[in-house]
N, C-alpha and C. Protein backbone atom coordinates (compact mmCIF):
# COMPACT_ATOMS: atom_id res chain seq x y z
N MET A 1 1.03 -1.31 0.20
CA MET A 1 0.15 0.03 0.04
C MET A 1 1.05 1.32 -0.20
N GLU A 2 0.62 2.50 -1.00
CA GLU A 2 0.76 3.22 -0.96
C GLU A 2 1.23 4.86 0.78
N LYS A 3 2.46 4.64 0.83
CA LYS A 3 2.16 5.78 1.92
C LYS A 3 2.46 6.86 1.65
N ARG A 4 0.65 7.81 2.54
CA ARG A 4 0.58 9.40 1.79
C ARG A 4 1.93 9.96 2.27
N THR A 5 2.18 11.18 1.89
CA THR A 5 3.11 12.48 2.02
C THR A 5 2.19 12.89 3.44
N GLY A 6 3.59 13.34 4.15
CA GLY A 6 2.91 13.58 5.73
C GLY A 6 2.94 15.36 5.29
N LYS A 7 1.97 16.00 5.65
CA LYS A 7 2.25 17.97 5.17
C LYS A 7 3.32 17.97 5.58
N ASP A 8 3.82 18.41 6.34
CA ASP A 8 4.80 18.64 6.45
C ASP A 8 5.85 18.76 4.89
N ASP A 9 5.69 17.33 4.48
CA ASP A 9 6.72 17.01 3.66
C ASP A 9 6.43 17.65 2.35
N TYR A 10 4.61 17.91 2.19
CA TYR A 10 4.02 18.25 1.47
C TYR A 10 4.17 19.84 0.99
N TYR A 11 3.91 20.17 2.09
CA TYR A 11 4.63 21.47 1.90
C TYR A 11 5.78 22.09 1.59
N LEU A 12 6.65 21.68 1.79
CA LEU A 12 7.86 22.00 1.66
C LEU A 12 8.74 21.43 0.11
N GLY A 13 8.17 20.34 -0.49
CA GLY A 13 7.87 20.16 -1.62
C GLY A 13 7.24 21.24 -2.47
N ILE A 14 6.08 21.58 -2.31
CA ILE A 14 5.74 23.35 -2.08
C ILE A 14 6.84 24.37 -2.69
N ALA A 15 7.36 24.31 -1.70
CA ALA A 15 8.64 25.63 -1.15
C ALA A 15 9.53 25.18 -2.49
N ASP A 16 10.06 24.03 -2.28
CA ASP A 16 11.19 23.37 -3.23
C ASP A 16 10.48 24.00 -4.61
N ALA A 17 9.36 23.40 -4.98
CA ALA A 17 9.16 24.61 -6.44
C ALA A 17 9.29 26.04 -6.60
N VAL A 18 8.60 26.57 -5.36
CA VAL A 18 8.83 27.64 -4.85
C VAL A 18 10.27 28.33 -5.95
N LEU A 19 11.24 27.53 -4.81
CA LEU A 19 12.68 28.48 -5.03
C LEU A 19 13.31 28.51 -6.87
N SER A 20 12.14 27.74 -7.01
CA SER A 20 12.74 27.61 -9.26
C SER A 20 12.65 28.76 -9.48
N ARG A 21 11.67 29.77 -9.27
CA ARG A 21 11.37 31.13 -9.25
C ARG A 21 12.33 32.38 -8.98
N SER A 22 13.99 31.36 -8.08
CA SER A 22 14.49 32.43 -7.22
C SER A 22 15.68 32.44 -8.58
N THR A 23 16.13 34.13 -8.38
CA THR A 23 16.98 35.07 -9.39
C THR A 23 18.61 34.86 -9.13
N CYS A 24 18.52 34.23 -7.82
CA CYS A 24 20.47 35.18 -6.91
C CYS A 24 20.94 33.44 -7.97
N LEU A 25 22.55 34.26 -7.39
CA LEU A 25 23.06 32.95 -8.40
C LEU A 25 24.10 31.99 -7.43
N ARG A 26 23.76 32.18 -6.57
CA ARG A 26 24.84 32.01 -5.19
C ARG A 26 23.70 30.34 -4.99
N ARG A 27 22.34 31.30 -4.12
CA ARG A 27 21.29 30.66 -3.51
C ARG A 27 20.04 30.43 -3.54
N LYS A 28 18.88 29.42 -3.97
CA LYS A 28 17.89 29.88 -4.18
C LYS A 28 17.33 29.23 -2.49
N TYR A 29 15.77 30.16 -2.41
CA TYR A 29 15.06 29.79 -1.22
C TYR A 29 14.29 30.33 -1.87
N GLY A 30 12.84 29.53 -1.05
CA GLY A 30 11.31 29.65 -1.77
C GLY A 30 10.96 29.32 -0.40
N SER A 31 9.66 29.93 -0.57
CA SER A 31 8.81 30.14 1.61
C SER A 31 7.75 30.01 1.10
N ILE A 32 6.37 28.99 1.85
CA ILE A 32 5.64 29.79 1.33
C ILE A 32 5.04 29.66 3.22
N ILE A 33 3.97 30.27 3.05
CA ILE A 33 2.96 30.71 4.39
C ILE A 33 1.79 29.72 3.85
N VAL A 34 1.68 28.98 5.40
CA VAL A 34 0.64 27.98 5.26
C VAL A 34 -0.63 27.98 6.95
N LYS A 35 -1.50 28.62 6.29
CA LYS A 35 -3.20 28.77 7.65
C LYS A 35 -3.84 27.73 7.58
N ASP A 36 -4.09 26.88 8.90
CA ASP A 36 -5.55 26.77 8.52
C ASP A 36 -5.30 24.95 7.33
N ASP A 37 -4.60 24.53 6.79
CA ASP A 37 -3.86 24.26 5.64
C ASP A 37 -4.48 24.62 4.97
N GLU A 38 -3.45 25.78 4.64
CA GLU A 38 -4.20 26.79 2.97
C GLU A 38 -3.03 27.20 2.61
N ILE A 39 -2.17 27.41 1.78
CA ILE A 39 -1.73 28.51 0.88
C ILE A 39 -1.96 29.37 1.34
N ILE A 40 -1.26 30.75 2.36
CA ILE A 40 -1.82 31.92 2.26
C ILE A 40 -0.60 33.01 0.97
N SER A 41 0.44 32.73 1.12
CA SER A 41 1.62 33.22 0.50
C SER A 41 2.55 32.11 -0.04
N THR A 42 3.11 33.15 -1.36
CA THR A 42 4.65 32.10 -1.52
C THR A 42 5.90 33.19 -2.01
N GLY A 43 6.66 33.28 -1.83
CA GLY A 43 7.78 34.06 -1.37
C GLY A 43 9.25 33.94 -2.50
N TYR A 44 10.42 33.79 -3.06
CA TYR A 44 11.46 33.31 -3.58
C TYR A 44 12.68 34.59 -3.43
N ASN A 45 13.10 34.41 -3.19
CA ASN A 45 14.37 35.43 -3.15
C ASN A 45 14.90 36.12 -4.51
N GLY A 46 15.42 37.13 -4.86
CA GLY A 46 15.38 38.00 -6.18
C GLY A 46 15.13 39.70 -6.28
N ALA A 47 15.28 40.13 -6.94
CA ALA A 47 16.09 41.85 -7.10
C ALA A 47 14.02 42.32 -6.82
N PRO A 48 13.93 43.47 -5.84
CA PRO A 48 12.80 43.97 -6.03
C PRO A 48 11.97 44.02 -7.71
N ARG A 49 11.05 44.27 -7.51
CA ARG A 49 10.39 44.40 -8.50
C ARG A 49 11.11 45.16 -9.07
N GLY A 50 10.75 45.55 -10.79
CA GLY A 50 11.19 46.38 -11.63
C GLY A 50 13.16 46.83 -11.40
N ARG A 51 13.36 45.92 -10.83
CA ARG A 51 15.20 46.03 -10.84
C ARG A 51 16.01 45.09 -11.44
N LYS A 52 17.21 45.10 -11.94
CA LYS A 52 17.45 43.78 -12.68
C LYS A 52 17.57 42.81 -11.63
N ASN A 53 17.90 41.47 -12.10
CA ASN A 53 17.95 40.27 -10.93
C ASN A 53 19.88 39.92 -11.42
N CYS A 54 20.33 39.51 -10.39
CA CYS A 54 21.60 38.71 -10.67
C CYS A 54 21.94 37.96 -11.62
N ILE A 55 20.90 36.90 -12.01
CA ILE A 55 20.77 36.39 -13.25
C ILE A 55 20.70 37.09 -14.42
N ASP A 56 19.85 38.61 -14.72
CA ASP A 56 20.11 39.41 -15.71
C ASP A 56 21.64 39.90 -16.01
N LEU A 57 22.27 40.03 -14.87
CA LEU A 57 23.11 40.51 -14.73
C LEU A 57 24.30 40.21 -15.10
N GLY A 58 24.08 38.74 -14.86
CA GLY A 58 25.47 37.63 -14.85
C GLY A 58 26.28 37.91 -14.01
N HIS A 59 26.07 38.54 -13.07
CA HIS A 59 26.97 38.27 -11.85
C HIS A 59 26.42 38.44 -10.02
N CYS A 60 27.00 38.58 -9.30
CA CYS A 60 26.81 38.79 -7.97
C CYS A 60 27.96 39.10 -6.86
N THR A 61 27.52 40.04 -7.05
CA THR A 61 28.47 41.50 -6.40
C THR A 61 29.26 40.65 -4.82
N ARG A 62 28.47 39.90 -4.21
CA ARG A 62 29.10 39.56 -3.26
C ARG A 62 30.16 38.35 -3.35
N GLU A 63 29.21 37.59 -4.69
CA GLU A 63 30.13 36.48 -4.36
C GLU A 63 32.08 37.14 -5.17
N ASN A 64 31.60 38.00 -6.01
CA ASN A 64 32.61 38.93 -6.48
C ASN A 64 33.63 39.72 -5.38
N LEU A 65 33.34 39.63 -4.45
CA LEU A 65 33.97 40.38 -3.52
C LEU A 65 33.87 38.86 -2.33
N ASN A 66 33.61 37.79 -2.72
CA ASN A 66 34.26 36.56 -1.97
C ASN A 66 33.48 36.86 -0.12
N ILE A 67 32.43 37.29 -0.12
CA ILE A 67 32.27 37.64 1.34
C ILE A 67 31.09 36.73 1.26
N PRO A 68 31.36 35.79 2.40
CA PRO A 68 30.60 34.56 3.02
C PRO A 68 29.44 34.80 3.20
N SER A 69 28.60 33.68 3.06
CA SER A 69 27.52 33.26 3.30
C SER A 69 26.87 33.92 5.20
N GLY A 70 25.45 34.87 4.85
CA GLY A 70 25.52 35.11 6.33
C GLY A 70 25.93 36.43 6.37
N GLU A 71 27.31 37.06 5.86
CA GLU A 71 27.90 38.56 6.21
C GLU A 71 27.20 39.62 4.77
N ARG A 72 27.15 40.55 5.44
CA ARG A 72 26.81 42.23 4.42
C ARG A 72 26.00 42.08 3.49
N TYR A 73 24.83 41.39 3.79
CA TYR A 73 23.89 41.43 3.35
C TYR A 73 23.48 42.85 2.50
N GLU A 74 23.76 44.04 2.92
CA GLU A 74 22.76 44.91 1.82
C GLU A 74 23.96 45.17 0.86
N LEU A 75 24.71 44.40 0.70
CA LEU A 75 25.58 44.63 -1.03
C LEU A 75 24.16 43.23 -1.72
N CYS A 76 23.50 42.36 -1.04
CA CYS A 76 23.26 41.84 -1.83
C CYS A 76 21.83 42.57 -2.40
N ARG A 77 21.35 42.11 -3.62
CA ARG A 77 19.95 43.05 -4.82
C ARG A 77 18.71 42.24 -3.98
N SER A 78 18.49 40.94 -3.44
CA SER A 78 17.57 40.10 -3.15
C SER A 78 16.62 40.45 -2.01
N VAL A 79 15.69 40.40 -1.96
CA VAL A 79 14.69 40.44 -1.13
C VAL A 79 14.60 38.96 -0.35
N HIS A 80 14.65 38.58 0.25
CA HIS A 80 14.27 37.27 0.78
C HIS A 80 13.43 36.43 0.55
N ALA A 81 13.34 35.11 0.35
CA ALA A 81 12.24 34.36 0.08
C ALA A 81 11.26 34.77 1.37
N GLU A 82 11.62 34.81 2.71
CA GLU A 82 10.79 35.01 4.01
C GLU A 82 10.14 36.44 3.78
N GLN A 83 11.14 37.40 3.25
CA GLN A 83 10.28 38.60 3.44
C GLN A 83 9.17 39.37 1.41
N ASN A 84 9.56 38.30 1.05
CA ASN A 84 8.72 38.37 0.11
C ASN A 84 7.09 37.78 0.33
N ALA A 85 7.20 36.57 0.85
CA ALA A 85 5.88 35.80 1.58
C ALA A 85 5.14 36.49 2.40
N ILE A 86 6.33 36.96 3.29
CA ILE A 86 5.40 38.08 4.87
C ILE A 86 4.73 39.24 3.52
N ILE A 87 5.53 39.75 2.96
CA ILE A 87 4.94 41.68 2.48
C ILE A 87 3.75 41.09 1.26
N SER A 88 3.63 39.74 1.09
CA SER A 88 2.43 39.21 -0.08
C SER A 88 0.95 39.15 0.98
N CYS A 89 1.36 39.38 1.88
CA CYS A 89 0.04 38.84 3.38
C CYS A 89 -0.76 39.63 4.56
N SER A 90 -1.54 39.46 4.74
CA SER A 90 -1.78 40.20 5.68
C SER A 90 -1.23 40.18 7.05
N ARG A 91 -0.47 40.40 8.45
CA ARG A 91 -0.99 40.02 10.07
C ARG A 91 -1.59 39.32 9.87
N ARG A 92 -2.99 39.93 10.08
CA ARG A 92 -3.69 39.39 10.23
C ARG A 92 -4.43 37.69 10.42
N ASP A 93 -4.02 37.90 8.87
CA ASP A 93 -4.12 36.16 8.30
C ASP A 93 -2.63 35.25 8.41
N MET A 94 -1.53 36.22 8.90
CA MET A 94 -0.05 34.89 9.17
C MET A 94 -0.12 34.78 10.59
N LEU A 95 -1.19 35.68 11.57
CA LEU A 95 -1.17 35.14 12.93
C LEU A 95 -0.89 33.76 13.32
N GLY A 96 -0.44 32.50 14.11
CA GLY A 96 -0.40 31.71 13.79
C GLY A 96 -0.14 30.47 13.16
N SER A 97 -0.04 31.05 12.05
CA SER A 97 0.79 30.44 10.58
C SER A 97 1.90 30.11 10.63
N THR A 98 2.52 28.79 9.80
CA THR A 98 3.72 28.23 9.70
C THR A 98 4.29 28.99 8.21
N LEU A 99 5.36 29.05 8.53
CA LEU A 99 6.27 29.33 7.53
C LEU A 99 7.26 28.26 7.35
N TYR A 100 7.23 27.57 5.76
CA TYR A 100 7.90 26.40 5.20
C TYR A 100 9.37 27.23 4.32
N LEU A 101 10.50 26.64 4.91
CA LEU A 101 11.72 27.30 3.89
C LEU A 101 12.22 26.03 2.93
N MET A 102 12.53 26.72 1.65
CA MET A 102 13.88 25.48 1.46
C MET A 102 14.75 26.26 0.72
N GLY A 103 15.80 25.75 0.16
CA GLY A 103 17.40 26.29 0.29
C GLY A 103 18.15 25.12 -0.92
N ARG A 104 18.44 25.82 -1.92
CA ARG A 104 19.40 25.02 -2.94
C ARG A 104 20.21 25.80 -3.24
N ASP A 105 21.72 24.94 -3.38
CA ASP A 105 22.70 25.26 -3.88
C ASP A 105 22.39 25.80 -5.22
N ALA A 106 22.64 27.29 -5.57
CA ALA A 106 22.02 27.76 -7.15
C ALA A 106 23.38 26.62 -8.02
N LYS A 107 24.04 26.76 -8.00
CA LYS A 107 24.75 25.70 -9.30
C LYS A 107 24.87 24.51 -9.17
N THR A 108 24.96 24.04 -8.13
CA THR A 108 24.74 22.88 -7.85
C THR A 108 23.01 21.82 -8.06
N GLY A 109 22.70 22.49 -7.24
CA GLY A 109 21.21 21.95 -7.14
C GLY A 109 20.82 21.84 -5.72
N GLU A 110 22.06 21.40 -4.86
CA GLU A 110 21.63 20.45 -3.92
C GLU A 110 21.38 21.75 -2.17
N LEU A 111 20.89 20.02 -2.08
CA LEU A 111 19.70 20.74 -0.27
C LEU A 111 20.95 21.47 0.05
N LEU A 112 20.20 22.56 1.13
CA LEU A 112 21.15 23.44 1.91
C LEU A 112 20.73 22.58 3.22
N PRO A 113 21.73 21.85 3.85
CA PRO A 113 21.21 21.51 5.13
C PRO A 113 20.66 22.04 6.30
N SER A 114 21.44 23.89 6.01
CA SER A 114 20.77 25.01 7.43
C SER A 114 20.77 25.91 6.60
N ALA A 115 19.04 25.72 6.52
CA ALA A 115 18.02 26.84 5.73
C ALA A 115 17.40 27.62 6.81
N GLU A 116 18.60 28.34 7.40
CA GLU A 116 17.94 28.63 8.72
C GLU A 116 17.72 30.68 8.06
N SER A 117 17.23 31.13 8.94
CA SER A 117 16.08 32.85 7.88
C SER A 117 17.87 33.78 8.87
N CYS A 118 17.68 34.54 8.45
CA CYS A 118 18.95 35.54 9.00
C CYS A 118 18.16 35.96 9.92
N SER A 119 19.09 36.64 10.96
CA SER A 119 18.42 37.85 11.77
C SER A 119 17.86 38.41 11.46
N LEU A 120 16.96 38.95 10.88
CA LEU A 120 16.81 40.57 9.65
C LEU A 120 14.99 39.43 9.56
N CYS A 121 15.36 38.54 8.44
CA CYS A 121 14.30 38.00 8.70
C CYS A 121 13.54 37.03 9.72
N LYS A 122 14.14 36.52 10.44
CA LYS A 122 13.65 36.15 12.14
C LYS A 122 12.72 37.32 12.65
N ARG A 123 13.15 38.66 12.45
CA ARG A 123 12.40 40.03 13.15
C ARG A 123 11.05 39.77 12.23
N PHE A 124 11.51 39.79 11.28
CA PHE A 124 9.82 40.15 10.08
C PHE A 124 9.04 38.71 10.49
N ILE A 125 10.12 37.77 10.74
CA ILE A 125 9.04 36.18 10.71
C ILE A 125 8.43 36.98 12.41
N VAL A 126 9.41 37.27 13.78
CA VAL A 126 8.63 37.43 15.08
C VAL A 126 6.78 38.38 14.40
N ASN A 127 7.19 39.55 13.79
CA ASN A 127 6.80 40.24 14.39
C ASN A 127 5.28 40.26 12.91
N ALA A 128 5.31 39.33 12.45
CA ALA A 128 4.84 39.04 11.33
C ALA A 128 3.13 37.95 12.22
N GLY A 129 3.59 37.66 13.38
CA GLY A 129 2.93 36.93 13.99
C GLY A 129 3.11 34.99 13.40
N ILE A 130 3.91 34.86 12.58
CA ILE A 130 4.31 33.16 12.16
C ILE A 130 4.40 32.48 13.52
N GLU A 131 4.17 31.97 13.72
CA GLU A 131 4.12 30.91 14.96
C GLU A 131 5.43 29.52 14.94
N ARG A 132 5.12 28.82 13.84
CA ARG A 132 6.14 27.96 13.47
C ARG A 132 6.77 28.30 12.25
N VAL A 133 8.41 27.75 12.17
CA VAL A 133 9.05 27.95 10.71
C VAL A 133 9.65 26.23 10.34
N VAL A 134 9.31 25.56 9.37
CA VAL A 134 9.80 24.15 9.74
C VAL A 134 11.08 24.30 7.96
N THR A 135 11.80 23.70 8.13
CA THR A 135 12.62 23.55 6.74
C THR A 135 13.34 22.45 6.78
N ARG A 136 13.65 21.99 5.65
CA ARG A 136 14.07 20.54 5.45
C ARG A 136 16.00 20.56 5.40
N SER A 137 16.38 19.46 6.55
CA SER A 137 17.29 19.60 7.18
C SER A 137 18.09 18.76 6.55
N SER A 138 17.67 18.13 5.88
CA SER A 138 18.03 16.63 5.09
C SER A 138 17.29 16.20 3.64
N GLU A 139 17.79 15.01 2.63
CA GLU A 139 16.45 14.53 2.69
C GLU A 139 15.89 13.72 3.20
N GLY A 140 14.62 14.15 3.39
CA GLY A 140 13.65 13.19 4.23
C GLY A 140 13.61 13.97 5.39
N GLY A 141 14.63 14.24 6.11
CA GLY A 141 14.63 15.32 7.69
C GLY A 141 14.17 16.57 7.62
N ILE A 142 13.54 16.89 8.24
CA ILE A 142 12.63 18.06 8.97
C ILE A 142 13.05 18.63 10.22
N GLU A 143 13.10 19.97 10.60
CA GLU A 143 13.01 20.72 11.45
C GLU A 143 12.34 21.60 11.81
N VAL A 144 12.13 21.70 12.88
CA VAL A 144 10.32 22.56 13.24
C VAL A 144 10.91 23.59 14.17
N THR A 145 11.04 24.62 13.91
CA THR A 145 11.30 25.70 15.01
C THR A 145 10.11 26.66 15.79
N GLN A 146 9.75 27.05 16.95
CA GLN A 146 8.98 27.50 17.12
C GLN A 146 9.76 28.94 17.36
N VAL A 147 9.26 29.67 16.66
CA VAL A 147 9.20 31.21 16.51
C VAL A 147 9.35 31.61 18.21
N SER A 148 8.95 31.04 18.73
CA SER A 148 8.68 32.21 20.54
C SER A 148 10.16 31.91 21.09
N GLN A 149 11.05 31.04 20.04
CA GLN A 149 12.02 30.68 20.67
C GLN A 149 13.13 31.34 20.57
N TRP A 150 13.02 32.34 19.11
CA TRP A 150 13.42 33.24 18.43
C TRP A 150 13.37 34.48 19.43
N VAL A 151 12.43 34.24 20.15
CA VAL A 151 12.08 35.41 20.95
C VAL A 151 12.64 35.62 21.97
N LEU A 152 12.72 34.43 22.98
CA LEU A 152 13.45 34.22 24.09
C LEU A 152 14.93 34.16 23.74
N ASN A 153 15.04 33.30 22.74
CA ASN A 153 16.98 33.46 22.49
C ASN A 153 17.30 34.28 21.36
N ASP A 154 17.08 36.02 21.99
CA ASP A 154 17.39 37.27 21.21
C ASP A 154 18.70 37.03 20.70
N ASP A 155 19.10 36.90 19.42
CA ASP A 155 20.21 37.05 18.53
C ASP A 155 20.89 38.01 18.65
N SER A 156 19.86 39.58 18.73
CA SER A 156 20.83 40.84 18.29
C SER A 156 20.94 41.06 19.46
N LEU A 157 20.75 40.48 20.80
CA LEU A 157 21.48 41.22 21.34
C LEU A 157 23.24 40.44 21.79
N PRO A 158 23.88 40.97 22.56
CA PRO A 158 25.67 40.99 22.74
C PRO A 158 25.40 40.05 23.69
N LYS A 159 26.41 38.72 23.34
CA LYS A 159 26.83 37.47 23.76
C LYS A 159 27.61 38.21 25.31
N VAL A 160 27.07 38.13 26.07
CA VAL A 160 27.69 38.25 27.72
C VAL A 160 28.50 36.49 27.70
N ARG A 161 29.70 37.10 28.25
CA ARG A 161 30.55 35.77 29.00
C ARG A 161 30.85 35.56 30.18
């Protein structure tokens, strides 16, 4: 008998399809926001509407400058997938929802095992009222984060020794 796909796997698969629209030359991300078993918004990383995308320009400034992942986002042309999903939805609709996030290497298509939101996206997610973030940690692996943990473990505060 065929096993039915679980909901988290189902929604992560849709987020994986959404990332195919990404225009980033380094990493492709796709996200969807789900509430009460309905997809209420989708987003992928790419330049703001009307601006040229990195794939159109043929280069990535951060890559050209050898900037490591997670640093100097102000030099990036893209709006992140989570941000695009959030700005396409009302807060009232997002309260108590789940954001599904998938990431892949743009060159190889390999799964990014740590598709964790950056600190700015975490702030967007907290303020949007999203309750959980679900990512694919490995092929078949799922990681669920309660957004309330990001509030308690505030990464924007200096580390105390």
